[in-house]
Amino acid sequence: MGMVTALVFGWGVWLVVDGFLYPPREPRIREKPEPWLRTQLNEAGMWDVPVRNVWFAAAACSVVGAILALLLSGQLVLGAIAGFAAAVIPLAFVRGRINRRRREFSEAWPDAVDNLTSAIRAGLSLPEALIALAETGPEALRPSFAVFAQEYQRTGRFADSLTVLKQQLSDPVGDRIVEALRIAREVGGGDIAHMMRTLSAFLREDMRTRAELEARQSWTVSGARLAVAAPWVVLVMMSGSSSGLAAFSSRVGFLVLVTGAIVCAAAYYLMLRLGRLPAEPRVLVA
């Protein structure tokens, strides 16, 4: 009996000591990252478009493309290839919206930063200066700042309104500006006007450099796209005659078509990966 009492007492002492040495930690709640396509839609400015609609559109394009190719050529393998190619159309459309939106933002940010700097130097507070951009800022940025104005007027919380603005912009430059304004608001920043002027000059220089690189790159990219599309244009022209596609009815012809599709897709993807300009990453994104 004494042995049991000693063991229980020792165990109790150990629990007390363990509680002091290793206090229980609150479990960390990790935010679930957004799906890749949801992030792409946000960056394209398509916040109200559900992800499932994009997949439905991809499936519909795939079916329509496969049926059209099958009716024109009568070859099942061409219908399958056309179906896979058509399924990429909605994703390519979203990607095109992202690139176009980023170009518009890159052209608009220097003027927006200049307007923000002028408003701060005129004596407006940070919230008032940002709200003013909803009316006086560049056209491409006005909707996002209008959402910020509505959120700030509704809640009166500047930090939460900046988070909403950051989500609406979904832009790397916007991330830097939002976080700079957040720090300036929290810790104070008497030199924020000078910082904004420096940032405006940097953005203009970056815009000029990127425009020059894109102009030089466009010829190479256009030539690569033409080289990839040319064989399939010829194949479509051959589909008008039954004798032109007879060679692809055999097993060897089937392998030629499948191999050609795989090689073209891999070459196009490799061209995009090697030829793309480095994209500026977003910062402090959950």
C-alpha atoms as a PDB file:
ATOM      1  CA  MET A   1       0.000   0.000   0.000  1.00  0.00           C
ATOM      2  CA  GLY A   2       2.832   2.385   0.852  1.00  0.00           C
ATOM      3  CA  MET A   3       4.436   1.658  -2.524  1.00  0.00           C
ATOM      4  CA  VAL A   4       1.244   2.618  -4.395  1.00  0.00           C
ATOM      5  CA  THR A   5       0.879   5.819  -2.362  1.00  0.00           C
ATOM      6  CA  ALA A   6       4.472   6.795  -3.128  1.00  0.00           C
ATOM      7  CA  LEU A   7       3.992   6.169  -6.860  1.00  0.00           C
ATOM      8  CA  VAL A   8       0.792   8.221  -6.966  1.00  0.00           C
ATOM      9  CA  PHE A   9       2.443  11.045  -5.015  1.00  0.00           C
ATOM     10  CA  GLY A  10       5.484  11.012  -7.306  1.00  0.00           C
ATOM     11  CA  TRP A  11       3.296  11.054 -10.381  1.00  0.00           C
ATOM     12  CA  GLY A  12       1.356  14.042  -9.038  1.00  0.00           C
ATOM     13  CA  VAL A  13       4.599  15.939  -8.312  1.00  0.00           C
ATOM     14  CA  TRP A  14       5.812  15.218 -11.833  1.00  0.00           C
ATOM     15  CA  LEU A  15       2.566  16.549 -13.350  1.00  0.00           C
ATOM     16  CA  VAL A  16       2.919  19.777 -11.369  1.00  0.00           C
ATOM     17  CA  VAL A  17       6.569  20.233 -12.407  1.00  0.00           C
ATOM     18  CA  ASP A  18       5.736  19.357 -16.023  1.00  0.00           C
ATOM     19  CA  GLY A  19       2.982  21.968 -16.026  1.00  0.00           C
ATOM     20  CA  PHE A  20       5.455  24.683 -14.982  1.00  0.00           C
ATOM     21  CA  LEU A  21       8.250  23.601 -17.310  1.00  0.00           C
ATOM     22  CA  TYR A  22       6.106  22.913 -20.377  1.00  0.00           C
ATOM     23  CA  PRO A  23       2.921  24.977 -20.215  1.00  0.00           C
ATOM     24  CA  PRO A  24       0.237  23.927 -22.682  1.00  0.00           C
ATOM     25  CA  ARG A  25       0.295  25.866 -25.893  1.00  0.00           C
ATOM     26  CA  GLU A  26      -2.751  27.057 -27.707  1.00  0.00           C
ATOM     27  CA  PRO A  27      -3.180  25.183 -30.953  1.00  0.00           C
ATOM     28  CA  ARG A  28      -2.229  27.267 -33.956  1.00  0.00           C
ATOM     29  CA  ILE A  29      -5.085  27.645 -36.357  1.00  0.00           C
ATOM     30  CA  ARG A  30      -3.691  27.658 -39.843  1.00  0.00           C
ATOM     31  CA  GLU A  31      -5.710  29.415 -42.456  1.00  0.00           C
ATOM     32  CA  LYS A  32      -6.560  27.150 -45.317  1.00  0.00           C
ATOM     33  CA  PRO A  33      -4.908  28.535 -48.464  1.00  0.00           C
ATOM     34  CA  GLU A  34      -7.191  29.446 -51.317  1.00  0.00           C
ATOM     35  CA  PRO A  35      -7.289  27.077 -54.275  1.00  0.00           C
ATOM     36  CA  TRP A  36      -5.030  27.963 -57.185  1.00  0.00           C
ATOM     37  CA  LEU A  37      -7.903  28.806 -59.525  1.00  0.00           C
ATOM     38  CA  ARG A  38      -9.604  30.980 -56.902  1.00  0.00           C
ATOM     39  CA  THR A  39      -6.380  32.966 -56.538  1.00  0.00           C
ATOM     40  CA  GLN A  40      -6.169  33.315 -60.315  1.00  0.00           C
ATOM     41  CA  LEU A  41      -9.727  34.614 -60.506  1.00  0.00           C
ATOM     42  CA  ASN A  42      -9.043  37.155 -57.763  1.00  0.00           C
ATOM     43  CA  GLU A  43      -5.942  38.411 -59.560  1.00  0.00           C
ATOM     44  CA  ALA A  44      -8.001  38.707 -62.747  1.00  0.00           C
ATOM     45  CA  GLY A  45     -10.561  40.865 -60.930  1.00  0.00           C
ATOM     46  CA  MET A  46     -13.240  38.166 -61.236  1.00  0.00           C
ATOM     47  CA  TRP A  47     -14.124  37.901 -57.539  1.00  0.00           C
ATOM     48  CA  ASP A  48     -17.799  37.112 -58.146  1.00  0.00           C
ATOM     49  CA  VAL A  49     -17.110  34.207 -60.532  1.00  0.00           C
ATOM     50  CA  PRO A  50     -17.337  30.818 -58.782  1.00  0.00           C
ATOM     51  CA  VAL A  51     -14.536  28.354 -59.442  1.00  0.00           C
ATOM     52  CA  ARG A  52     -16.994  25.693 -60.570  1.00  0.00           C
ATOM     53  CA  ASN A  53     -18.187  27.950 -63.389  1.00  0.00           C
ATOM     54  CA  VAL A  54     -14.685  27.952 -64.868  1.00  0.00           C
ATOM     55  CA  TRP A  55     -14.524  24.162 -64.759  1.00  0.00           C
ATOM     56  CA  PHE A  56     -17.996  23.935 -66.325  1.00  0.00           C
ATOM     57  CA  ALA A  57     -16.878  26.307 -69.079  1.00  0.00           C
ATOM     58  CA  ALA A  58     -13.740  24.215 -69.658  1.00  0.00           C
ATOM     59  CA  ALA A  59     -15.845  21.051 -69.921  1.00  0.00           C
ATOM     60  CA  ALA A  60     -18.298  22.736 -72.319  1.00  0.00           C
ATOM     61  CA  CYS A  61     -15.488  24.036 -74.533  1.00  0.00           C
ATOM     62  CA  SER A  62     -13.910  20.593 -74.552  1.00  0.00           C
ATOM     63  CA  VAL A  63     -17.129  18.907 -75.654  1.00  0.00           C
ATOM     64  CA  VAL A  64     -17.888  21.500 -78.344  1.00  0.00           C
ATOM     65  CA  GLY A  65     -14.326  21.405 -79.693  1.00  0.00           C
ATOM     66  CA  ALA A  66     -14.275  17.627 -79.805  1.00  0.00           C
ATOM     67  CA  ILE A  67     -17.638  17.436 -81.596  1.00  0.00           C
ATOM     68  CA  LEU A  68     -16.663  20.062 -84.185  1.00  0.00           C
ATOM     69  CA  ALA A  69     -13.336  18.402 -84.903  1.00  0.00           C
ATOM     70  CA  LEU A  70     -14.995  15.007 -85.153  1.00  0.00           C
ATOM     71  CA  LEU A  71     -17.626  16.294 -87.573  1.00  0.00           C
ATOM     72  CA  LEU A  72     -15.068  18.053 -89.769  1.00  0.00           C
ATOM     73  CA  SER A  73     -12.448  15.327 -89.880  1.00  0.00           C
ATOM     74  CA  GLY A  74     -14.219  12.127 -88.987  1.00  0.00           C
ATOM     75  CA  GLN A  75     -11.152  11.100 -86.982  1.00  0.00           C
ATOM     76  CA  LEU A  76     -11.668  10.228 -83.330  1.00  0.00           C
ATOM     77  CA  VAL A  77      -8.090  11.071 -82.396  1.00  0.00           C
ATOM     78  CA  LEU A  78      -8.433  14.592 -83.847  1.00  0.00           C
ATOM     79  CA  GLY A  79     -11.629  15.048 -81.865  1.00  0.00           C
ATOM     80  CA  ALA A  80      -9.853  14.038 -78.659  1.00  0.00           C
ATOM     81  CA  ILE A  81      -6.911  16.386 -79.341  1.00  0.00           C
ATOM     82  CA  ALA A  82      -9.270  19.259 -80.162  1.00  0.00           C
ATOM     83  CA  GLY A  83     -11.222  18.561 -76.983  1.00  0.00           C
ATOM     84  CA  PHE A  84      -8.107  18.769 -74.809  1.00  0.00           C
ATOM     85  CA  ALA A  85      -6.982  21.944 -76.575  1.00  0.00           C
ATOM     86  CA  ALA A  86     -10.387  23.615 -76.245  1.00  0.00           C
ATOM     87  CA  ALA A  87     -10.545  22.852 -72.524  1.00  0.00           C
ATOM     88  CA  VAL A  88      -7.663  25.273 -71.966  1.00  0.00           C
ATOM     89  CA  ILE A  89      -9.589  28.227 -73.458  1.00  0.00           C
ATOM     90  CA  PRO A  90     -11.277  29.395 -70.197  1.00  0.00           C
ATOM     91  CA  LEU A  91      -8.001  29.112 -68.256  1.00  0.00           C
ATOM     92  CA  ALA A  92      -6.177  31.019 -71.001  1.00  0.00           C
ATOM     93  CA  PHE A  93      -8.891  33.690 -70.858  1.00  0.00           C
ATOM     94  CA  VAL A  94      -8.404  34.084 -67.096  1.00  0.00           C
ATOM     95  CA  ARG A  95      -4.638  34.271 -67.547  1.00  0.00           C
ATOM     96  CA  GLY A  96      -5.057  36.894 -70.242  1.00  0.00           C
ATOM     97  CA  ARG A  97      -7.242  38.945 -67.900  1.00  0.00           C
ATOM     98  CA  ILE A  98      -4.525  38.751 -65.241  1.00  0.00           C
ATOM     99  CA  ASN A  99      -1.813  39.954 -67.617  1.00  0.00           C
ATOM    100  CA  ARG A 100      -3.982  42.756 -68.977  1.00  0.00           C
ATOM    101  CA  ARG A 101      -4.999  43.851 -65.470  1.00  0.00           C
ATOM    102  CA  ARG A 102      -1.400  43.886 -64.267  1.00  0.00           C
ATOM    103  CA  ARG A 103      -0.355  45.992 -67.252  1.00  0.00           C
ATOM    104  CA  GLU A 104      -3.139  48.472 -66.529  1.00  0.00           C
ATOM    105  CA  PHE A 105      -2.171  48.566 -62.858  1.00  0.00           C
ATOM    106  CA  SER A 106       1.528  49.036 -63.628  1.00  0.00           C
ATOM    107  CA  GLU A 107       0.647  52.059 -65.762  1.00  0.00           C
ATOM    108  CA  ALA A 108      -1.752  53.450 -63.155  1.00  0.00           C
ATOM    109  CA  TRP A 109       0.256  53.020 -59.948  1.00  0.00           C
ATOM    110  CA  PRO A 110       2.754  55.880 -60.464  1.00  0.00           C
ATOM    111  CA  ASP A 111      -0.092  58.384 -60.926  1.00  0.00           C
ATOM    112  CA  ALA A 112      -1.959  56.896 -57.965  1.00  0.00           C
ATOM    113  CA  VAL A 113       1.098  57.197 -55.737  1.00  0.00           C
ATOM    114  CA  ASP A 114       1.592  60.802 -56.883  1.00  0.00           C
ATOM    115  CA  ASN A 115      -2.032  61.620 -56.031  1.00  0.00           C
ATOM    116  CA  LEU A 116      -1.658  59.928 -52.651  1.00  0.00           C
ATOM    117  CA  THR A 117       1.532  61.868 -51.931  1.00  0.00           C
ATOM    118  CA  SER A 118      -0.102  65.159 -52.878  1.00  0.00           C
ATOM    119  CA  ALA A 119      -3.089  64.428 -50.645  1.00  0.00           C
ATOM    120  CA  ILE A 120      -0.871  63.596 -47.668  1.00  0.00           C
ATOM    121  CA  ARG A 121       1.224  66.729 -48.168  1.00  0.00           C
ATOM    122  CA  ALA A 122      -2.008  68.747 -48.359  1.00  0.00           C
ATOM    123  CA  GLY A 123      -2.862  67.615 -44.833  1.00  0.00           C
ATOM    124  CA  LEU A 124      -5.314  64.796 -45.428  1.00  0.00           C
ATOM    125  CA  SER A 125      -5.156  61.743 -43.240  1.00  0.00           C
ATOM    126  CA  LEU A 126      -4.284  58.367 -44.725  1.00  0.00           C
ATOM    127  CA  PRO A 127      -7.907  57.132 -44.823  1.00  0.00           C
ATOM    128  CA  GLU A 128      -9.073  60.361 -46.439  1.00  0.00           C
ATOM    129  CA  ALA A 129      -6.268  60.243 -49.014  1.00  0.00           C
ATOM    130  CA  LEU A 130      -7.125  56.650 -49.950  1.00  0.00           C
ATOM    131  CA  ILE A 131     -10.847  57.397 -50.143  1.00  0.00           C
ATOM    132  CA  ALA A 132     -10.102  60.325 -52.462  1.00  0.00           C
ATOM    133  CA  LEU A 133      -8.451  57.918 -54.927  1.00  0.00           C
ATOM    134  CA  ALA A 134     -11.867  56.346 -55.519  1.00  0.00           C
ATOM    135  CA  GLU A 135     -12.831  59.555 -57.358  1.00  0.00           C
ATOM    136  CA  THR A 136      -9.577  61.216 -58.441  1.00  0.00           C
ATOM    137  CA  GLY A 137      -7.321  58.203 -58.926  1.00  0.00           C
ATOM    138  CA  PRO A 138      -6.614  56.354 -62.185  1.00  0.00           C
ATOM    139  CA  GLU A 139      -9.596  54.629 -63.763  1.00  0.00           C
ATOM    140  CA  ALA A 140      -8.146  51.130 -63.365  1.00  0.00           C
ATOM    141  CA  LEU A 141      -7.761  51.510 -59.585  1.00  0.00           C
ATOM    142  CA  ARG A 142     -10.942  53.389 -58.717  1.00  0.00           C
ATOM    143  CA  PRO A 143     -13.179  50.317 -58.143  1.00  0.00           C
ATOM    144  CA  SER A 144     -10.766  48.833 -55.587  1.00  0.00           C
ATOM    145  CA  PHE A 145     -10.448  52.102 -53.670  1.00  0.00           C
ATOM    146  CA  ALA A 146     -14.228  52.533 -53.804  1.00  0.00           C
ATOM    147  CA  VAL A 147     -14.540  49.187 -52.009  1.00  0.00           C
ATOM    148  CA  PHE A 148     -12.003  50.440 -49.439  1.00  0.00           C
ATOM    149  CA  ALA A 149     -14.055  53.622 -48.927  1.00  0.00           C
ATOM    150  CA  GLN A 150     -17.236  51.622 -48.362  1.00  0.00           C
ATOM    151  CA  GLU A 151     -15.520  49.259 -45.933  1.00  0.00           C
ATOM    152  CA  TYR A 152     -13.915  52.087 -43.941  1.00  0.00           C
ATOM    153  CA  GLN A 153     -17.135  54.060 -43.747  1.00  0.00           C
ATOM    154  CA  ARG A 154     -18.969  50.954 -42.606  1.00  0.00           C
ATOM    155  CA  THR A 155     -16.530  49.754 -39.935  1.00  0.00           C
ATOM    156  CA  GLY A 156     -14.187  52.664 -39.212  1.00  0.00           C
ATOM    157  CA  ARG A 157     -11.289  50.186 -38.828  1.00  0.00           C
ATOM    158  CA  PHE A 158      -8.369  51.250 -40.999  1.00  0.00           C
ATOM    159  CA  ALA A 159      -6.355  48.019 -40.697  1.00  0.00           C
ATOM    160  CA  ASP A 160      -9.283  45.798 -41.689  1.00  0.00           C
ATOM    161  CA  SER A 161     -10.147  48.130 -44.567  1.00  0.00           C
ATOM    162  CA  LEU A 162      -6.555  47.902 -45.820  1.00  0.00           C
ATOM    163  CA  THR A 163      -6.848  44.112 -45.795  1.00  0.00           C
ATOM    164  CA  VAL A 164      -9.991  44.351 -47.919  1.00  0.00           C
ATOM    165  CA  LEU A 165      -8.198  46.760 -50.274  1.00  0.00           C
ATOM    166  CA  LYS A 166      -5.294  44.332 -50.573  1.00  0.00           C
ATOM    167  CA  GLN A 167      -7.671  41.512 -51.469  1.00  0.00           C
ATOM    168  CA  GLN A 168      -9.427  43.655 -54.045  1.00  0.00           C
ATOM    169  CA  LEU A 169      -6.194  44.748 -55.697  1.00  0.00           C
ATOM    170  CA  SER A 170      -4.498  41.305 -55.674  1.00  0.00           C
ATOM    171  CA  ASP A 171      -1.430  43.002 -57.102  1.00  0.00           C
ATOM    172  CA  PRO A 172       2.252  42.841 -56.026  1.00  0.00           C
ATOM    173  CA  VAL A 173       2.704  46.621 -56.134  1.00  0.00           C
ATOM    174  CA  GLY A 174      -0.544  47.073 -54.251  1.00  0.00           C
ATOM    175  CA  ASP A 175       0.731  44.693 -51.560  1.00  0.00           C
ATOM    176  CA  ARG A 176       3.830  46.825 -50.973  1.00  0.00           C
ATOM    177  CA  ILE A 177       1.879  50.067 -50.853  1.00  0.00           C
ATOM    178  CA  VAL A 178      -0.763  48.662 -48.522  1.00  0.00           C
ATOM    179  CA  GLU A 179       1.820  47.254 -46.101  1.00  0.00           C
ATOM    180  CA  ALA A 180       3.797  50.529 -46.159  1.00  0.00           C
ATOM    181  CA  LEU A 181       0.634  52.449 -45.308  1.00  0.00           C
ATOM    182  CA  ARG A 182      -0.214  49.956 -42.575  1.00  0.00           C
ATOM    183  CA  ILE A 183       3.198  50.426 -40.945  1.00  0.00           C
ATOM    184  CA  ALA A 184       2.990  54.198 -41.314  1.00  0.00           C
ATOM    185  CA  ARG A 185      -0.402  54.164 -39.608  1.00  0.00           C
ATOM    186  CA  GLU A 186       0.650  51.906 -36.739  1.00  0.00           C
ATOM    187  CA  VAL A 187       4.107  53.253 -35.861  1.00  0.00           C
ATOM    188  CA  GLY A 188       3.863  56.705 -37.379  1.00  0.00           C
ATOM    189  CA  GLY A 189       5.702  57.976 -40.401  1.00  0.00           C
ATOM    190  CA  GLY A 190       6.460  61.630 -40.815  1.00  0.00           C
ATOM    191  CA  ASP A 191       8.535  60.920 -43.924  1.00  0.00           C
ATOM    192  CA  ILE A 192       5.871  58.931 -45.732  1.00  0.00           C
ATOM    193  CA  ALA A 193       5.553  61.572 -48.470  1.00  0.00           C
ATOM    194  CA  HIS A 194       9.260  61.197 -49.320  1.00  0.00           C
ATOM    195  CA  MET A 195       8.887  57.414 -49.331  1.00  0.00           C
ATOM    196  CA  MET A 196       5.934  57.658 -51.724  1.00  0.00           C
ATOM    197  CA  ARG A 197       7.856  59.950 -54.090  1.00  0.00           C
ATOM    198  CA  THR A 198      10.754  57.481 -54.154  1.00  0.00           C
ATOM    199  CA  LEU A 199       8.355  54.618 -54.804  1.00  0.00           C
ATOM    200  CA  SER A 200       6.705  56.537 -57.655  1.00  0.00           C
ATOM    201  CA  ALA A 201      10.069  57.132 -59.341  1.00  0.00           C
ATOM    202  CA  PHE A 202      10.970  53.452 -58.938  1.00  0.00           C
ATOM    203  CA  LEU A 203       7.644  52.336 -60.425  1.00  0.00           C
ATOM    204  CA  ARG A 204       8.050  54.581 -63.464  1.00  0.00           C
ATOM    205  CA  GLU A 205      11.569  53.266 -64.108  1.00  0.00           C
ATOM    206  CA  ASP A 206      10.405  49.671 -63.697  1.00  0.00           C
ATOM    207  CA  MET A 207       7.506  50.289 -66.091  1.00  0.00           C
ATOM    208  CA  ARG A 208       9.832  51.693 -68.771  1.00  0.00           C
ATOM    209  CA  THR A 209      12.263  48.780 -68.426  1.00  0.00           C
ATOM    210  CA  ARG A 210       9.539  46.143 -68.557  1.00  0.00           C
ATOM    211  CA  ALA A 211       7.876  47.778 -71.577  1.00  0.00           C
ATOM    212  CA  GLU A 212      11.177  47.686 -73.464  1.00  0.00           C
ATOM    213  CA  LEU A 213      11.752  44.029 -72.606  1.00  0.00           C
ATOM    214  CA  GLU A 214       8.215  43.071 -73.602  1.00  0.00           C
ATOM    215  CA  ALA A 215       8.598  44.859 -76.944  1.00  0.00           C
ATOM    216  CA  ARG A 216      11.787  42.919 -77.696  1.00  0.00           C
ATOM    217  CA  GLN A 217      10.246  39.669 -76.514  1.00  0.00           C
ATOM    218  CA  SER A 218       7.016  39.934 -78.517  1.00  0.00           C
ATOM    219  CA  TRP A 219       8.668  39.012 -81.830  1.00  0.00           C
ATOM    220  CA  THR A 220      10.190  35.846 -80.408  1.00  0.00           C
ATOM    221  CA  VAL A 221       6.962  34.780 -78.716  1.00  0.00           C
ATOM    222  CA  SER A 222       4.872  35.448 -81.840  1.00  0.00           C
ATOM    223  CA  GLY A 223       7.275  33.418 -83.967  1.00  0.00           C
ATOM    224  CA  ALA A 224       7.168  30.495 -81.535  1.00  0.00           C
ATOM    225  CA  ARG A 225       3.361  30.540 -81.482  1.00  0.00           C
ATOM    226  CA  LEU A 226       3.250  30.562 -85.275  1.00  0.00           C
ATOM    227  CA  ALA A 227       5.653  27.621 -85.423  1.00  0.00           C
ATOM    228  CA  VAL A 228       3.465  25.613 -83.039  1.00  0.00           C
ATOM    229  CA  ALA A 229       0.191  26.468 -84.779  1.00  0.00           C
ATOM    230  CA  ALA A 230       1.356  26.002 -88.378  1.00  0.00           C
ATOM    231  CA  PRO A 231       1.183  22.157 -88.517  1.00  0.00           C
ATOM    232  CA  TRP A 232      -2.345  22.148 -87.083  1.00  0.00           C
ATOM    233  CA  VAL A 233      -3.513  24.824 -89.511  1.00  0.00           C
ATOM    234  CA  VAL A 234      -2.272  22.627 -92.344  1.00  0.00           C
ATOM    235  CA  LEU A 235      -4.074  19.651 -90.818  1.00  0.00           C
ATOM    236  CA  VAL A 236      -7.327  21.623 -90.650  1.00  0.00           C
ATOM    237  CA  MET A 237      -6.923  22.571 -94.312  1.00  0.00           C
ATOM    238  CA  MET A 238      -6.401  18.887 -95.152  1.00  0.00           C
ATOM    239  CA  SER A 239      -9.602  17.941 -93.346  1.00  0.00           C
ATOM    240  CA  GLY A 240     -11.617  19.217 -96.313  1.00  0.00           C
ATOM    241  CA  SER A 241     -10.678  16.138 -98.353  1.00  0.00           C
ATOM    242  CA  SER A 242     -11.143  12.586 -97.163  1.00  0.00           C
ATOM    243  CA  SER A 243      -7.997  11.437 -98.955  1.00  0.00           C
ATOM    244  CA  GLY A 244      -5.882  13.955 -97.023  1.00  0.00           C
ATOM    245  CA  LEU A 245      -6.771  12.386 -93.689  1.00  0.00           C
ATOM    246  CA  ALA A 246      -6.680   8.778 -94.875  1.00  0.00           C
ATOM    247  CA  ALA A 247      -3.024   8.534 -93.888  1.00  0.00           C
ATOM    248  CA  PHE A 248      -3.917   9.202 -90.263  1.00  0.00           C
ATOM    249  CA  SER A 249      -6.460   6.380 -90.055  1.00  0.00           C
ATOM    250  CA  SER A 250      -3.754   3.765 -89.531  1.00  0.00           C
ATOM    251  CA  ARG A 251      -1.968   2.985 -86.289  1.00  0.00           C
ATOM    252  CA  VAL A 252       1.149   4.815 -87.446  1.00  0.00           C
ATOM    253  CA  GLY A 253      -0.895   7.891 -88.311  1.00  0.00           C
ATOM    254  CA  PHE A 254      -2.515   7.770 -84.894  1.00  0.00           C
ATOM    255  CA  LEU A 255       0.894   7.680 -83.224  1.00  0.00           C
ATOM    256  CA  VAL A 256       2.084  10.582 -85.394  1.00  0.00           C
ATOM    257  CA  LEU A 257      -0.867  12.746 -84.356  1.00  0.00           C
ATOM    258  CA  VAL A 258      -0.570  11.932 -80.664  1.00  0.00           C
ATOM    259  CA  THR A 259       3.193  12.410 -80.656  1.00  0.00           C
ATOM    260  CA  GLY A 260       2.865  15.684 -82.553  1.00  0.00           C
ATOM    261  CA  ALA A 261       0.260  16.987 -80.086  1.00  0.00           C
ATOM    262  CA  ILE A 262       2.438  16.092 -77.106  1.00  0.00           C
ATOM    263  CA  VAL A 263       5.554  17.636 -78.659  1.00  0.00           C
ATOM    264  CA  CYS A 264       3.697  20.850 -79.608  1.00  0.00           C
ATOM    265  CA  ALA A 265       2.177  21.186 -76.136  1.00  0.00           C
ATOM    266  CA  ALA A 266       5.531  20.553 -74.428  1.00  0.00           C
ATOM    267  CA  ALA A 267       7.366  22.954 -76.759  1.00  0.00           C
ATOM    268  CA  TYR A 268       4.774  25.696 -76.241  1.00  0.00           C
ATOM    269  CA  TYR A 269       4.891  25.277 -72.468  1.00  0.00           C
ATOM    270  CA  LEU A 270       8.692  25.316 -72.510  1.00  0.00           C
ATOM    271  CA  MET A 271       8.645  28.441 -74.666  1.00  0.00           C
ATOM    272  CA  LEU A 272       6.370  30.199 -72.179  1.00  0.00           C
ATOM    273  CA  ARG A 273       8.504  29.144 -69.215  1.00  0.00           C
ATOM    274  CA  LEU A 274      11.816  30.160 -70.765  1.00  0.00           C
ATOM    275  CA  GLY A 275      10.599  33.320 -72.428  1.00  0.00           C
ATOM    276  CA  ARG A 276       8.464  34.855 -69.702  1.00  0.00           C
ATOM    277  CA  LEU A 277       9.675  37.853 -67.758  1.00  0.00           C
ATOM    278  CA  PRO A 278      10.171  37.360 -64.014  1.00  0.00           C
ATOM    279  CA  ALA A 279       6.931  38.176 -62.216  1.00  0.00           C
ATOM    280  CA  GLU A 280       7.091  40.176 -59.033  1.00  0.00           C
ATOM    281  CA  PRO A 281       5.889  38.005 -56.133  1.00  0.00           C
ATOM    282  CA  ARG A 282       3.172  39.143 -53.785  1.00  0.00           C
ATOM    283  CA  VAL A 283       4.197  39.889 -50.206  1.00  0.00           C
ATOM    284  CA  LEU A 284       2.603  39.061 -46.862  1.00  0.00           C
ATOM    285  CA  VAL A 285      -0.222  37.080 -48.427  1.00  0.00           C
ATOM    286  CA  ALA A 286      -1.859  34.429 -46.253  1.00  0.00           C
END
